[in-house]
C-alpha atoms as a PDB file:
ATOM      1  CA  MET A   1       0.000   0.000   0.000  1.00  0.00           C
ATOM      2  CA  SER A   2       1.162   3.521  -0.723  1.00  0.00           C
ATOM      3  CA  THR A   3       0.052   6.801   0.794  1.00  0.00           C
ATOM      4  CA  ALA A   4      -1.841   7.562  -2.414  1.00  0.00           C
ATOM      5  CA  GLU A   5      -4.002   4.474  -1.820  1.00  0.00           C
ATOM      6  CA  LEU A   6      -5.125   5.595   1.640  1.00  0.00           C
ATOM      7  CA  PRO A   7      -8.751   6.725   1.984  1.00  0.00           C
ATOM      8  CA  ILE A   8      -7.592   9.950   3.670  1.00  0.00           C
ATOM      9  CA  PRO A   9      -5.190  12.603   2.425  1.00  0.00           C
ATOM     10  CA  ILE A  10      -1.861  12.859   4.265  1.00  0.00           C
ATOM     11  CA  ASP A  11      -0.012  16.166   4.278  1.00  0.00           C
ATOM     12  CA  HIS A  12       3.458  14.742   4.836  1.00  0.00           C
ATOM     13  CA  GLU A  13       5.060  18.086   5.636  1.00  0.00           C
ATOM     14  CA  GLN A  14       2.490  18.930   8.330  1.00  0.00           C
ATOM     15  CA  VAL A  15       2.747  15.424   9.784  1.00  0.00           C
ATOM     16  CA  ALA A  16       6.562  15.647   9.802  1.00  0.00           C
ATOM     17  CA  GLU A  17       6.438  19.047  11.507  1.00  0.00           C
ATOM     18  CA  PHE A  18       4.015  17.678  14.119  1.00  0.00           C
ATOM     19  CA  CYS A  19       6.290  14.692  14.785  1.00  0.00           C
ATOM     20  CA  ARG A  20       9.550  16.647  14.938  1.00  0.00           C
ATOM     21  CA  ALA A  21       8.078  19.166  17.393  1.00  0.00           C
ATOM     22  CA  ARG A  22       7.027  16.373  19.770  1.00  0.00           C
ATOM     23  CA  GLY A  23       9.999  14.021  19.489  1.00  0.00           C
ATOM     24  CA  ILE A  24       8.138  11.333  17.577  1.00  0.00           C
ATOM     25  CA  ARG A  25      10.585   9.167  15.661  1.00  0.00           C
ATOM     26  CA  ARG A  26       7.959   7.060  13.890  1.00  0.00           C
ATOM     27  CA  LEU A  27       4.229   7.569  13.329  1.00  0.00           C
ATOM     28  CA  SER A  28       2.243   4.662  11.919  1.00  0.00           C
ATOM     29  CA  LEU A  29      -1.355   4.035  10.934  1.00  0.00           C
ATOM     30  CA  PHE A  30      -3.138   0.781  11.657  1.00  0.00           C
ATOM     31  CA  GLY A  31      -6.658  -0.564  11.782  1.00  0.00           C
ATOM     32  CA  SER A  32      -9.579   0.152   9.488  1.00  0.00           C
ATOM     33  CA  VAL A  33      -7.907   3.060   7.654  1.00  0.00           C
ATOM     34  CA  LEU A  34      -5.799   0.374   5.962  1.00  0.00           C
ATOM     35  CA  ARG A  35      -8.697  -1.937   5.148  1.00  0.00           C
ATOM     36  CA  ASP A  36     -11.733  -1.988   2.896  1.00  0.00           C
ATOM     37  CA  ASP A  37     -14.095  -1.601   5.862  1.00  0.00           C
ATOM     38  CA  PHE A  38     -12.985   2.008   6.502  1.00  0.00           C
ATOM     39  CA  ASP A  39     -16.057   4.245   6.571  1.00  0.00           C
ATOM     40  CA  PRO A  40     -15.130   7.836   5.621  1.00  0.00           C
ATOM     41  CA  ALA A  41     -18.222   9.124   7.422  1.00  0.00           C
ATOM     42  CA  ARG A  42     -17.700   7.311  10.743  1.00  0.00           C
ATOM     43  CA  SER A  43     -14.284   5.680  11.109  1.00  0.00           C
ATOM     44  CA  ASP A  44     -11.512   7.204  13.157  1.00  0.00           C
ATOM     45  CA  VAL A  45      -7.822   6.811  12.353  1.00  0.00           C
ATOM     46  CA  ASP A  46      -5.751   4.593  14.642  1.00  0.00           C
ATOM     47  CA  VAL A  47      -2.222   5.944  15.101  1.00  0.00           C
ATOM     48  CA  LEU A  48       0.787   4.534  16.923  1.00  0.00           C
ATOM     49  CA  ALA A  49       3.516   7.020  17.850  1.00  0.00           C
ATOM     50  CA  GLU A  50       7.010   5.882  18.782  1.00  0.00           C
ATOM     51  CA  PHE A  51       8.843   8.600  20.690  1.00  0.00           C
ATOM     52  CA  GLU A  52      12.521   9.384  20.999  1.00  0.00           C
ATOM     53  CA  PRO A  53      13.956   8.462  24.409  1.00  0.00           C
ATOM     54  CA  ASP A  54      12.979  11.086  26.997  1.00  0.00           C
ATOM     55  CA  ALA A  55      10.780  12.958  24.489  1.00  0.00           C
ATOM     56  CA  LEU A  56       7.801  12.691  26.817  1.00  0.00           C
ATOM     57  CA  LYS A  57       9.715  14.028  29.811  1.00  0.00           C
ATOM     58  CA  GLY A  58       7.901  17.171  30.782  1.00  0.00           C
ATOM     59  CA  ALA A  59       5.106  16.670  28.232  1.00  0.00           C
ATOM     60  CA  GLY A  60       2.586  16.228  31.026  1.00  0.00           C
ATOM     61  CA  PHE A  61      -0.996  16.941  30.038  1.00  0.00           C
ATOM     62  CA  ARG A  62       0.059  18.227  26.592  1.00  0.00           C
ATOM     63  CA  TYR A  63       0.405  14.551  25.589  1.00  0.00           C
ATOM     64  CA  PHE A  64      -3.377  14.176  25.849  1.00  0.00           C
ATOM     65  CA  GLY A  65      -3.851  16.880  23.223  1.00  0.00           C
ATOM     66  CA  TYR A  66      -1.617  15.225  20.635  1.00  0.00           C
ATOM     67  CA  GLY A  67      -4.512  13.226  19.209  1.00  0.00           C
ATOM     68  CA  GLU A  68      -6.631  16.340  18.724  1.00  0.00           C
ATOM     69  CA  GLU A  69      -3.716  18.198  17.146  1.00  0.00           C
ATOM     70  CA  LEU A  70      -3.110  15.344  14.726  1.00  0.00           C
ATOM     71  CA  ALA A  71      -6.856  15.119  14.037  1.00  0.00           C
ATOM     72  CA  ALA A  72      -6.775  18.753  12.900  1.00  0.00           C
ATOM     73  CA  ILE A  73      -3.979  17.871  10.461  1.00  0.00           C
ATOM     74  CA  LEU A  74      -5.664  14.719   9.136  1.00  0.00           C
ATOM     75  CA  GLY A  75      -9.164  16.163   9.121  1.00  0.00           C
ATOM     76  CA  ARG A  76     -10.779  13.376  11.113  1.00  0.00           C
ATOM     77  CA  LYS A  77     -10.902  11.911  14.615  1.00  0.00           C
ATOM     78  CA  VAL A  78      -7.673  10.205  15.672  1.00  0.00           C
ATOM     79  CA  ASP A  79      -7.173   7.439  18.204  1.00  0.00           C
ATOM     80  CA  PHE A  80      -3.613   8.385  19.249  1.00  0.00           C
ATOM     81  CA  CYS A  81      -1.513   5.973  21.270  1.00  0.00           C
ATOM     82  CA  SER A  82       2.129   5.421  22.075  1.00  0.00           C
ATOM     83  CA  ARG A  83       1.711   1.977  23.601  1.00  0.00           C
ATOM     84  CA  LEU A  84      -0.457  -0.951  22.721  1.00  0.00           C
ATOM     85  CA  HIS A  85      -1.274  -3.951  24.861  1.00  0.00           C
ATOM     86  CA  PRO A  86       1.112  -6.755  23.817  1.00  0.00           C
ATOM     87  CA  LEU A  87      -1.751  -8.879  22.456  1.00  0.00           C
ATOM     88  CA  ILE A  88      -3.035  -6.002  20.315  1.00  0.00           C
ATOM     89  CA  LEU A  89       0.477  -5.127  19.158  1.00  0.00           C
ATOM     90  CA  ALA A  90       1.040  -8.748  18.114  1.00  0.00           C
ATOM     91  CA  ARG A  91      -2.146  -8.556  15.993  1.00  0.00           C
ATOM     92  CA  VAL A  92      -1.321  -5.271  14.259  1.00  0.00           C
ATOM     93  CA  LYS A  93       2.486  -5.115  14.094  1.00  0.00           C
ATOM     94  CA  ASP A  94       2.619  -6.533  10.569  1.00  0.00           C
ATOM     95  CA  GLU A  95       0.083  -4.007   9.266  1.00  0.00           C
ATOM     96  CA  LEU A  96       1.640  -0.850  10.758  1.00  0.00           C
ATOM     97  CA  PHE A  97       1.903   1.681   7.942  1.00  0.00           C
ATOM     98  CA  PRO A  98       4.475   4.417   8.684  1.00  0.00           C
ATOM     99  CA  VAL A  99       3.520   7.921   7.555  1.00  0.00           C
ATOM    100  CA  TYR A 100       6.570   9.493   9.228  1.00  0.00           C
ATOM    101  CA  GLU A 101       9.992   8.151  10.151  1.00  0.00           C
ATOM    102  CA  ARG A 102      12.841  10.299  11.375  1.00  0.00           C
ATOM    103  CA  ALA A 103      15.682  10.165   8.884  1.00  0.00           C
END
């Protein structure tokens, strides 16, 4: 799958700026946004953020706004997480679709 095949537009520069400003080294999509059952009218976008070491030090409550900030960039509700339960991660790790990776 390529970014062009996604059912939502991705502004790579805005996403990269968002990630760099927050110390995110990799941002990946998973879930229905990558499948045929994605409903543009109702589905949210599941996102897994992998942070640089110590990037969350001092983030405090700002962390809880990251999903809303990313939602404004993507134009739809985002389910933002930086950790997944090991059983869920095992189910989705092969489908993770990176939209940003620090060079």
